[in-house]
C-alpha cells in the first residue's frame, strides 16, 4: 500500500490512541508517546510495525500518542490511518481479511 498523504486516526481520550502516518523517505519510523512507555513501549512499537507489515506499508513516519489503548485498538487505528493516507475510500477488508 502506498502512502500518499498524511492522515490521522483516533482520539486523545482515555483508553484510546491517536495515530498519525505521513510519507517518509527510508525505513518506517515509529515514535511513541505514552505514560506507560517504560512498561509497554516495545509492545506498542511491535504492534504498529506488525500492522504496517501486514498492510505492506513502507516509507512512513508514524506518531503514536497512547492514552492506555488495548492492542486491538492500536491495530485498528493504524489500519484506519493507513487507509486514509493511501486514499482508500471503499473495499475495506473487514472480518480478519488482513493477514
PDB file of N, CA and C in Angstrom:
ATOM      1  N   UNK A   1       0.854  -1.161   0.000  1.00  0.00           N
ATOM      2  CA  UNK A   1       0.000   0.000   0.000  1.00  0.00           C
ATOM      3  C   UNK A   1       0.909   1.235   0.000  1.00  0.00           C
ATOM      4  N   UNK A   2       0.619   2.159  -0.882  1.00  0.00           N
ATOM      5  CA  UNK A   2       1.416   3.373  -0.990  1.00  0.00           C
ATOM      6  C   UNK A   2       0.762   4.514  -0.216  1.00  0.00           C
ATOM      7  N   UNK A   3       1.522   5.128   0.674  1.00  0.00           N
ATOM      8  CA  UNK A   3       1.035   6.254   1.462  1.00  0.00           C
ATOM      9  C   UNK A   3       1.222   7.525   0.646  1.00  0.00           C
ATOM     10  N   UNK A   4       0.122   8.221   0.368  1.00  0.00           N
ATOM     11  CA  UNK A   4       0.145   9.391  -0.497  1.00  0.00           C
ATOM     12  C   UNK A   4       0.163  10.710   0.264  1.00  0.00           C
ATOM     13  N   UNK A   5      -0.412  10.715   1.461  1.00  0.00           N
ATOM     14  CA  UNK A   5      -0.550  11.958   2.220  1.00  0.00           C
ATOM     15  C   UNK A   5      -0.577  11.640   3.706  1.00  0.00           C
ATOM     16  N   UNK A   6      -0.457  12.655   4.528  1.00  0.00           N
ATOM     17  CA  UNK A   6      -0.549  12.470   5.978  1.00  0.00           C
ATOM     18  C   UNK A   6      -2.004  12.193   6.360  1.00  0.00           C
ATOM     19  N   UNK A   7      -2.184  11.351   7.358  1.00  0.00           N
ATOM     20  CA  UNK A   7      -3.533  11.035   7.836  1.00  0.00           C
ATOM     21  C   UNK A   7      -3.472  10.651   9.305  1.00  0.00           C
ATOM     22  N   UNK A   8      -4.609  10.815   9.988  1.00  0.00           N
ATOM     23  CA  UNK A   8      -4.693  10.552  11.412  1.00  0.00           C
ATOM     24  C   UNK A   8      -5.939   9.723  11.713  1.00  0.00           C
ATOM     25  N   UNK A   9      -5.833   8.926  12.782  1.00  0.00           N
ATOM     26  CA  UNK A   9      -6.982   8.168  13.274  1.00  0.00           C
ATOM     27  C   UNK A   9      -6.890   8.108  14.790  1.00  0.00           C
ATOM     28  N   UNK A  10      -8.039   8.122  15.445  1.00  0.00           N
ATOM     29  CA  UNK A  10      -8.081   8.011  16.895  1.00  0.00           C
ATOM     30  C   UNK A  10      -8.258   9.345  17.576  1.00  0.00           C
ATOM     31  N   UNK A  11      -8.344   9.277  18.906  1.00  0.00           N
ATOM     32  CA  UNK A  11      -8.544  10.478  19.719  1.00  0.00           C
ATOM     33  C   UNK A  11      -7.531  10.493  20.857  1.00  0.00           C
ATOM     34  N   UNK A  12      -7.576  11.547  21.633  1.00  0.00           N
ATOM     35  CA  UNK A  12      -6.725  11.644  22.816  1.00  0.00           C
ATOM     36  C   UNK A  12      -7.519  11.374  24.088  1.00  0.00           C
ATOM     37  N   UNK A  13      -8.651  10.683  23.939  1.00  0.00           N
ATOM     38  CA  UNK A  13      -9.471  10.297  25.082  1.00  0.00           C
ATOM     39  C   UNK A  13      -8.811   9.134  25.819  1.00  0.00           C
ATOM     40  N   UNK A  14      -9.191   8.941  27.062  1.00  0.00           N
ATOM     41  CA  UNK A  14      -8.688   7.837  27.854  1.00  0.00           C
ATOM     42  C   UNK A  14      -9.022   6.507  27.180  1.00  0.00           C
ATOM     43  N   UNK A  15      -8.099   5.563  27.216  1.00  0.00           N
ATOM     44  CA  UNK A  15      -8.232   4.223  26.629  1.00  0.00           C
ATOM     45  C   UNK A  15      -8.247   4.231  25.112  1.00  0.00           C
ATOM     46  N   UNK A  16      -7.772   5.294  24.492  1.00  0.00           N
ATOM     47  CA  UNK A  16      -7.687   5.365  23.035  1.00  0.00           C
ATOM     48  C   UNK A  16      -6.240   5.688  22.656  1.00  0.00           C
ATOM     49  N   UNK A  17      -6.001   5.792  21.371  1.00  0.00           N
ATOM     50  CA  UNK A  17      -4.677   6.112  20.853  1.00  0.00           C
ATOM     51  C   UNK A  17      -4.861   6.944  19.594  1.00  0.00           C
ATOM     52  N   UNK A  18      -4.019   7.938  19.418  1.00  0.00           N
ATOM     53  CA  UNK A  18      -4.055   8.751  18.206  1.00  0.00           C
ATOM     54  C   UNK A  18      -2.835   8.382  17.378  1.00  0.00           C
ATOM     55  N   UNK A  19      -3.083   7.962  16.143  1.00  0.00           N
ATOM     56  CA  UNK A  19      -2.018   7.522  15.247  1.00  0.00           C
ATOM     57  C   UNK A  19      -1.974   8.445  14.036  1.00  0.00           C
ATOM     58  N   UNK A  20      -0.796   8.960  13.740  1.00  0.00           N
ATOM     59  CA  UNK A  20      -0.597   9.809  12.569  1.00  0.00           C
ATOM     60  C   UNK A  20       0.444   9.149  11.671  1.00  0.00           C
ATOM     61  N   UNK A  21       0.098   8.988  10.390  1.00  0.00           N
ATOM     62  CA  UNK A  21       1.022   8.457   9.391  1.00  0.00           C
ATOM     63  C   UNK A  21       1.320   9.551   8.390  1.00  0.00           C
ATOM     64  N   UNK A  22       2.574   9.635   7.974  1.00  0.00           N
ATOM     65  CA  UNK A  22       2.939  10.570   6.923  1.00  0.00           C
ATOM     66  C   UNK A  22       4.059   9.961   6.097  1.00  0.00           C
ATOM     67  N   UNK A  23       4.115  10.307   4.814  1.00  0.00           N
ATOM     68  CA  UNK A  23       5.185   9.777   3.965  1.00  0.00           C
ATOM     69  C   UNK A  23       6.554  10.151   4.535  1.00  0.00           C
ATOM     70  N   UNK A  24       7.511   9.232   4.372  1.00  0.00           N
ATOM     71  CA  UNK A  24       8.847   9.416   4.938  1.00  0.00           C
ATOM     72  C   UNK A  24       9.845   8.667   4.061  1.00  0.00           C
ATOM     73  N   UNK A  25      10.940   9.276   3.775  1.00  0.00           N
ATOM     74  CA  UNK A  25      11.986   8.603   2.992  1.00  0.00           C
ATOM     75  C   UNK A  25      12.696   7.574   3.864  1.00  0.00           C
ATOM     76  N   UNK A  26      12.969   6.414   3.299  1.00  0.00           N
ATOM     77  CA  UNK A  26      13.692   5.382   4.026  1.00  0.00           C
ATOM     78  C   UNK A  26      12.763   4.419   4.734  1.00  0.00           C
ATOM     79  N   UNK A  27      13.306   3.803   5.782  1.00  0.00           N
ATOM     80  CA  UNK A  27      12.562   2.804   6.536  1.00  0.00           C
ATOM     81  C   UNK A  27      11.469   3.457   7.384  1.00  0.00           C
ATOM     82  N   UNK A  28      10.518   2.621   7.798  1.00  0.00           N
ATOM     83  CA  UNK A  28       9.458   3.102   8.681  1.00  0.00           C
ATOM     84  C   UNK A  28      10.063   3.603   9.989  1.00  0.00           C
ATOM     85  N   UNK A  29       9.540   4.721  10.463  1.00  0.00           N
ATOM     86  CA  UNK A  29       9.996   5.312  11.717  1.00  0.00           C
ATOM     87  C   UNK A  29       8.785   5.426  12.633  1.00  0.00           C
ATOM     88  N   UNK A  30       8.876   4.855  13.827  1.00  0.00           N
ATOM     89  CA  UNK A  30       7.761   4.868  14.778  1.00  0.00           C
ATOM     90  C   UNK A  30       8.176   5.630  16.030  1.00  0.00           C
ATOM     91  N   UNK A  31       7.408   6.648  16.376  1.00  0.00           N
ATOM     92  CA  UNK A  31       7.633   7.446  17.580  1.00  0.00           C
ATOM     93  C   UNK A  31       6.423   7.271  18.490  1.00  0.00           C
ATOM     94  N   UNK A  32       6.685   6.874  19.739  1.00  0.00           N
ATOM     95  CA  UNK A  32       5.593   6.606  20.677  1.00  0.00           C
ATOM     96  C   UNK A  32       5.680   7.557  21.855  1.00  0.00           C
ATOM     97  N   UNK A  33       4.540   8.162  22.190  1.00  0.00           N
ATOM     98  CA  UNK A  33       4.398   8.966  23.403  1.00  0.00           C
ATOM     99  C   UNK A  33       3.340   8.272  24.256  1.00  0.00           C
ATOM    100  N   UNK A  34       3.700   7.908  25.474  1.00  0.00           N
ATOM    101  CA  UNK A  34       2.770   7.188  26.334  1.00  0.00           C
ATOM    102  C   UNK A  34       3.209   7.319  27.787  1.00  0.00           C
ATOM    103  N   UNK A  35       2.246   7.365  28.680  1.00  0.00           N
ATOM    104  CA  UNK A  35       2.569   7.395  30.105  1.00  0.00           C
ATOM    105  C   UNK A  35       3.070   6.029  30.584  1.00  0.00           C
ATOM    106  N   UNK A  36       2.838   5.000  29.788  1.00  0.00           N
ATOM    107  CA  UNK A  36       3.290   3.646  30.138  1.00  0.00           C
ATOM    108  C   UNK A  36       4.377   3.170  29.171  1.00  0.00           C
ATOM    109  N   UNK A  37       5.148   4.119  28.652  1.00  0.00           N
ATOM    110  CA  UNK A  37       6.189   3.796  27.667  1.00  0.00           C
ATOM    111  C   UNK A  37       7.210   2.802  28.217  1.00  0.00           C
ATOM    112  N   UNK A  38       7.604   2.984  29.459  1.00  0.00           N
ATOM    113  CA  UNK A  38       8.600   2.087  30.053  1.00  0.00           C
ATOM    114  C   UNK A  38       8.094   0.648  30.136  1.00  0.00           C
ATOM    115  N   UNK A  39       6.800   0.473  30.418  1.00  0.00           N
ATOM    116  CA  UNK A  39       6.243  -0.871  30.567  1.00  0.00           C
ATOM    117  C   UNK A  39       5.827  -1.489  29.227  1.00  0.00           C
ATOM    118  N   UNK A  40       5.228  -0.688  28.338  1.00  0.00           N
ATOM    119  CA  UNK A  40       4.608  -1.241  27.135  1.00  0.00           C
ATOM    120  C   UNK A  40       5.120  -0.655  25.820  1.00  0.00           C
ATOM    121  N   UNK A  41       6.130   0.178  25.868  1.00  0.00           N
ATOM    122  CA  UNK A  41       6.629   0.831  24.658  1.00  0.00           C
ATOM    123  C   UNK A  41       7.032  -0.142  23.564  1.00  0.00           C
ATOM    124  N   UNK A  42       7.743  -1.200  23.914  1.00  0.00           N
ATOM    125  CA  UNK A  42       8.176  -2.185  22.923  1.00  0.00           C
ATOM    126  C   UNK A  42       6.985  -2.893  22.286  1.00  0.00           C
ATOM    127  N   UNK A  43       5.982  -3.257  23.095  1.00  0.00           N
ATOM    128  CA  UNK A  43       4.797  -3.930  22.566  1.00  0.00           C
ATOM    129  C   UNK A  43       4.006  -3.007  21.644  1.00  0.00           C
ATOM    130  N   UNK A  44       3.925  -1.736  21.988  1.00  0.00           N
ATOM    131  CA  UNK A  44       3.210  -0.775  21.133  1.00  0.00           C
ATOM    132  C   UNK A  44       3.918  -0.658  19.794  1.00  0.00           C
ATOM    133  N   UNK A  45       5.239  -0.499  19.805  1.00  0.00           N
ATOM    134  CA  UNK A  45       6.000  -0.398  18.557  1.00  0.00           C
ATOM    135  C   UNK A  45       5.877  -1.671  17.731  1.00  0.00           C
ATOM    136  N   UNK A  46       5.950  -2.827  18.384  1.00  0.00           N
ATOM    137  CA  UNK A  46       5.814  -4.101  17.671  1.00  0.00           C
ATOM    138  C   UNK A  46       4.444  -4.214  17.022  1.00  0.00           C
ATOM    139  N   UNK A  47       3.393  -3.811  17.728  1.00  0.00           N
ATOM    140  CA  UNK A  47       2.030  -3.860  17.187  1.00  0.00           C
ATOM    141  C   UNK A  47       1.921  -2.959  15.959  1.00  0.00           C
ATOM    142  N   UNK A  48       2.461  -1.744  16.040  1.00  0.00           N
ATOM    143  CA  UNK A  48       2.423  -0.811  14.916  1.00  0.00           C
ATOM    144  C   UNK A  48       3.193  -1.394  13.736  1.00  0.00           C
ATOM    145  N   UNK A  49       4.410  -1.887  13.978  1.00  0.00           N
ATOM    146  CA  UNK A  49       5.218  -2.438  12.885  1.00  0.00           C
ATOM    147  C   UNK A  49       4.600  -3.679  12.266  1.00  0.00           C
ATOM    148  N   UNK A  50       4.018  -4.549  13.087  1.00  0.00           N
ATOM    149  CA  UNK A  50       3.354  -5.751  12.562  1.00  0.00           C
ATOM    150  C   UNK A  50       2.150  -5.374  11.692  1.00  0.00           C
ATOM    151  N   UNK A  51       1.396  -4.372  12.123  1.00  0.00           N
ATOM    152  CA  UNK A  51       0.221  -3.931  11.364  1.00  0.00           C
ATOM    153  C   UNK A  51       0.647  -3.302  10.044  1.00  0.00           C
ATOM    154  N   UNK A  52       1.679  -2.471  10.068  1.00  0.00           N
ATOM    155  CA  UNK A  52       2.186  -1.873   8.825  1.00  0.00           C
ATOM    156  C   UNK A  52       2.691  -2.954   7.878  1.00  0.00           C
ATOM    157  N   UNK A  53       3.361  -3.946   8.425  1.00  0.00           N
ATOM    158  CA  UNK A  53       3.872  -5.050   7.605  1.00  0.00           C
ATOM    159  C   UNK A  53       2.732  -5.836   6.962  1.00  0.00           C
ATOM    160  N   UNK A  54       1.667  -6.087   7.721  1.00  0.00           N
ATOM    161  CA  UNK A  54       0.532  -6.838   7.172  1.00  0.00           C
ATOM    162  C   UNK A  54      -0.175  -6.066   6.062  1.00  0.00           C
ATOM    163  N   UNK A  55      -0.071  -4.732   6.098  1.00  0.00           N
ATOM    164  CA  UNK A  55      -0.669  -3.894   5.058  1.00  0.00           C
ATOM    165  C   UNK A  55       0.317  -3.585   3.935  1.00  0.00           C
ATOM    166  N   UNK A  56       1.545  -4.083   4.056  1.00  0.00           N
ATOM    167  CA  UNK A  56       2.618  -3.830   3.086  1.00  0.00           C
ATOM    168  C   UNK A  56       2.858  -2.325   2.929  1.00  0.00           C
ATOM    169  N   UNK A  57       2.981  -1.636   4.060  1.00  0.00           N
ATOM    170  CA  UNK A  57       3.243  -0.198   4.078  1.00  0.00           C
ATOM    171  C   UNK A  57       4.712   0.020   4.404  1.00  0.00           C
ATOM    172  N   UNK A  58       5.388   0.775   3.549  1.00  0.00           N
ATOM    173  CA  UNK A  58       6.792   1.102   3.756  1.00  0.00           C
ATOM    174  C   UNK A  58       7.003   2.586   3.535  1.00  0.00           C
ATOM    175  N   UNK A  59       8.048   3.131   4.137  1.00  0.00           N
ATOM    176  CA  UNK A  59       8.390   4.524   3.937  1.00  0.00           C
ATOM    177  C   UNK A  59       7.431   5.490   4.594  1.00  0.00           C
ATOM    178  N   UNK A  60       7.121   5.248   5.885  1.00  0.00           N
ATOM    179  CA  UNK A  60       6.231   6.157   6.609  1.00  0.00           C
ATOM    180  C   UNK A  60       6.832   6.538   7.954  1.00  0.00           C
ATOM    181  N   UNK A  61       6.433   7.697   8.422  1.00  0.00           N
ATOM    182  CA  UNK A  61       6.729   8.114   9.789  1.00  0.00           C
ATOM    183  C   UNK A  61       5.417   7.986  10.548  1.00  0.00           C
ATOM    184  N   UNK A  62       5.456   7.288  11.670  1.00  0.00           N
ATOM    185  CA  UNK A  62       4.262   7.060  12.472  1.00  0.00           C
ATOM    186  C   UNK A  62       4.457   7.715  13.838  1.00  0.00           C
ATOM    187  N   UNK A  63       3.495   8.529  14.216  1.00  0.00           N
ATOM    188  CA  UNK A  63       3.495   9.127  15.551  1.00  0.00           C
ATOM    189  C   UNK A  63       2.314   8.550  16.310  1.00  0.00           C
ATOM    190  N   UNK A  64       2.609   7.958  17.457  1.00  0.00           N
ATOM    191  CA  UNK A  64       1.593   7.308  18.282  1.00  0.00           C
ATOM    192  C   UNK A  64       1.510   8.040  19.613  1.00  0.00           C
ATOM    193  N   UNK A  65       0.328   8.541  19.949  1.00  0.00           N
ATOM    194  CA  UNK A  65       0.087   9.154  21.257  1.00  0.00           C
ATOM    195  C   UNK A  65      -0.904   8.248  21.972  1.00  0.00           C
ATOM    196  N   UNK A  66      -0.371   7.447  22.880  1.00  0.00           N
ATOM    197  CA  UNK A  66      -1.161   6.425  23.565  1.00  0.00           C
ATOM    198  C   UNK A  66      -1.754   6.966  24.858  1.00  0.00           C
ATOM    199  N   UNK A  67      -3.025   6.667  25.068  1.00  0.00           N
ATOM    200  CA  UNK A  67      -3.723   7.035  26.298  1.00  0.00           C
ATOM    201  C   UNK A  67      -4.290   5.797  26.986  1.00  0.00           C
ATOM    202  N   UNK A  68      -3.543   4.684  26.882  1.00  0.00           N
ATOM    203  CA  UNK A  68      -3.957   3.456  27.548  1.00  0.00           C
ATOM    204  C   UNK A  68      -4.769   2.518  26.681  1.00  0.00           C
ATOM    205  N   UNK A  69      -4.536   2.558  25.384  1.00  0.00           N
ATOM    206  CA  UNK A  69      -5.301   1.732  24.450  1.00  0.00           C
ATOM    207  C   UNK A  69      -4.871   0.268  24.495  1.00  0.00           C
ATOM    208  N   UNK A  70      -5.828  -0.600  24.240  1.00  0.00           N
ATOM    209  CA  UNK A  70      -5.535  -2.024  24.087  1.00  0.00           C
ATOM    210  C   UNK A  70      -4.894  -2.261  22.720  1.00  0.00           C
ATOM    211  N   UNK A  71      -4.253  -3.404  22.573  1.00  0.00           N
ATOM    212  CA  UNK A  71      -3.571  -3.729  21.322  1.00  0.00           C
ATOM    213  C   UNK A  71      -4.525  -3.741  20.126  1.00  0.00           C
ATOM    214  N   UNK A  72      -5.736  -4.250  20.312  1.00  0.00           N
ATOM    215  CA  UNK A  72      -6.697  -4.289  19.211  1.00  0.00           C
ATOM    216  C   UNK A  72      -7.073  -2.875  18.757  1.00  0.00           C
ATOM    217  N   UNK A  73      -7.105  -1.936  19.684  1.00  0.00           N
ATOM    218  CA  UNK A  73      -7.408  -0.548  19.344  1.00  0.00           C
ATOM    219  C   UNK A  73      -6.252   0.081  18.586  1.00  0.00           C
ATOM    220  N   UNK A  74      -5.027  -0.191  19.009  1.00  0.00           N
ATOM    221  CA  UNK A  74      -3.843   0.331  18.309  1.00  0.00           C
ATOM    222  C   UNK A  74      -3.828  -0.179  16.875  1.00  0.00           C
ATOM    223  N   UNK A  75      -4.068  -1.470  16.715  1.00  0.00           N
ATOM    224  CA  UNK A  75      -4.080  -2.065  15.378  1.00  0.00           C
ATOM    225  C   UNK A  75      -5.148  -1.422  14.494  1.00  0.00           C
ATOM    226  N   UNK A  76      -6.347  -1.244  15.031  1.00  0.00           N
ATOM    227  CA  UNK A  76      -7.440  -0.644  14.267  1.00  0.00           C
ATOM    228  C   UNK A  76      -7.119   0.786  13.864  1.00  0.00           C
ATOM    229  N   UNK A  77      -6.516   1.558  14.758  1.00  0.00           N
ATOM    230  CA  UNK A  77      -6.172   2.949  14.447  1.00  0.00           C
ATOM    231  C   UNK A  77      -5.072   3.028  13.394  1.00  0.00           C
ATOM    232  N   UNK A  78      -4.095   2.146  13.457  1.00  0.00           N
ATOM    233  CA  UNK A  78      -3.034   2.125  12.440  1.00  0.00           C
ATOM    234  C   UNK A  78      -3.629   1.770  11.083  1.00  0.00           C
ATOM    235  N   UNK A  79      -4.505   0.761  11.036  1.00  0.00           N
ATOM    236  CA  UNK A  79      -5.146   0.385   9.781  1.00  0.00           C
ATOM    237  C   UNK A  79      -5.957   1.541   9.211  1.00  0.00           C
ATOM    238  N   UNK A  80      -6.742   2.195  10.039  1.00  0.00           N
ATOM    239  CA  UNK A  80      -7.579   3.301   9.593  1.00  0.00           C
ATOM    240  C   UNK A  80      -6.724   4.441   9.046  1.00  0.00           C
ATOM    241  N   UNK A  81      -5.680   4.817   9.773  1.00  0.00           N
ATOM    242  CA  UNK A  81      -4.808   5.896   9.319  1.00  0.00           C
ATOM    243  C   UNK A  81      -4.117   5.526   8.005  1.00  0.00           C
ATOM    244  N   UNK A  82      -3.727   4.268   7.856  1.00  0.00           N
ATOM    245  CA  UNK A  82      -3.068   3.831   6.622  1.00  0.00           C
ATOM    246  C   UNK A  82      -4.023   3.919   5.432  1.00  0.00           C
ATOM    247  N   UNK A  83      -5.259   3.459   5.608  1.00  0.00           N
ATOM    248  CA  UNK A  83      -6.232   3.545   4.518  1.00  0.00           C
ATOM    249  C   UNK A  83      -6.522   4.992   4.154  1.00  0.00           C
ATOM    250  N   UNK A  84      -6.650   5.852   5.149  1.00  0.00           N
ATOM    251  CA  UNK A  84      -6.875   7.274   4.873  1.00  0.00           C
ATOM    252  C   UNK A  84      -5.683   7.877   4.140  1.00  0.00           C
ATOM    253  N   UNK A  85      -4.472   7.553   4.574  1.00  0.00           N
ATOM    254  CA  UNK A  85      -3.266   8.105   3.963  1.00  0.00           C
ATOM    255  C   UNK A  85      -3.047   7.594   2.540  1.00  0.00           C
ATOM    256  N   UNK A  86      -3.576   6.417   2.247  1.00  0.00           N
ATOM    257  CA  UNK A  86      -3.449   5.849   0.907  1.00  0.00           C
ATOM    258  C   UNK A  86      -4.596   6.270  -0.005  1.00  0.00           C
ATOM    259  N   UNK A  87      -5.582   6.965   0.555  1.00  0.00           N
ATOM    260  CA  UNK A  87      -6.716   7.426  -0.245  1.00  0.00           C
ATOM    261  C   UNK A  87      -7.749   6.353  -0.522  1.00  0.00           C
ATOM    262  N   UNK A  88      -7.736   5.261   0.253  1.00  0.00           N
ATOM    263  CA  UNK A  88      -8.717   4.186   0.081  1.00  0.00           C
ATOM    264  C   UNK A  88     -10.038   4.648   0.681  1.00  0.00           C
ATOM    265  N   UNK A  89     -11.103   4.590  -0.123  1.00  0.00           N
ATOM    266  CA  UNK A  89     -12.402   5.043   0.352  1.00  0.00           C
ATOM    267  C   UNK A  89     -13.472   3.961   0.340  1.00  0.00           C
ATOM    268  N   UNK A  90     -13.158   2.795  -0.193  1.00  0.00           N
ATOM    269  CA  UNK A  90     -14.113   1.690  -0.203  1.00  0.00           C
ATOM    270  C   UNK A  90     -13.357   0.377  -0.332  1.00  0.00           C
ATOM    271  N   UNK A  91     -14.068  -0.728  -0.102  1.00  0.00           N
ATOM    272  CA  UNK A  91     -13.464  -2.047  -0.248  1.00  0.00           C
ATOM    273  C   UNK A  91     -12.542  -2.439   0.891  1.00  0.00           C
ATOM    274  N   UNK A  92     -12.857  -1.982   2.104  1.00  0.00           N
ATOM    275  CA  UNK A  92     -12.032  -2.331   3.255  1.00  0.00           C
ATOM    276  C   UNK A  92     -12.134  -3.825   3.548  1.00  0.00           C
ATOM    277  N   UNK A  93     -11.025  -4.477   3.859  1.00  0.00           N
ATOM    278  CA  UNK A  93     -11.055  -5.921   4.165  1.00  0.00           C
ATOM    279  C   UNK A  93     -11.438  -6.180   5.617  1.00  0.00           C
ATOM    280  N   UNK A  94     -12.724  -6.199   5.911  1.00  0.00           N
ATOM    281  CA  UNK A  94     -13.191  -6.408   7.285  1.00  0.00           C
ATOM    282  C   UNK A  94     -13.171  -7.886   7.648  1.00  0.00           C
ATOM    283  N   UNK A  95     -13.330  -8.159   8.918  1.00  0.00           N
ATOM    284  CA  UNK A  95     -13.504  -9.530   9.403  1.00  0.00           C
ATOM    285  C   UNK A  95     -12.254 -10.376   9.371  1.00  0.00           C
ATOM    286  N   UNK A  96     -11.100  -9.784   9.610  1.00  0.00           N
ATOM    287  CA  UNK A  96      -9.863 -10.563   9.675  1.00  0.00           C
ATOM    288  C   UNK A  96      -9.275 -10.888   8.326  1.00  0.00           C
ATOM    289  N   UNK A  97      -9.710 -10.211   7.269  1.00  0.00           N
ATOM    290  CA  UNK A  97      -9.179 -10.488   5.942  1.00  0.00           C
ATOM    291  C   UNK A  97      -7.750  -9.995   5.769  1.00  0.00           C
ATOM    292  N   UNK A  98      -7.308  -9.096   6.627  1.00  0.00           N
ATOM    293  CA  UNK A  98      -5.918  -8.611   6.563  1.00  0.00           C
ATOM    294  C   UNK A  98      -5.036  -9.665   7.199  1.00  0.00           C
ATOM    295  N   UNK A  99      -4.013 -10.063   6.508  1.00  0.00           N
ATOM    296  CA  UNK A  99      -3.109 -11.115   7.047  1.00  0.00           C
ATOM    297  C   UNK A  99      -2.028 -10.507   7.860  1.00  0.00           C
TER     298      UNK A  99
END
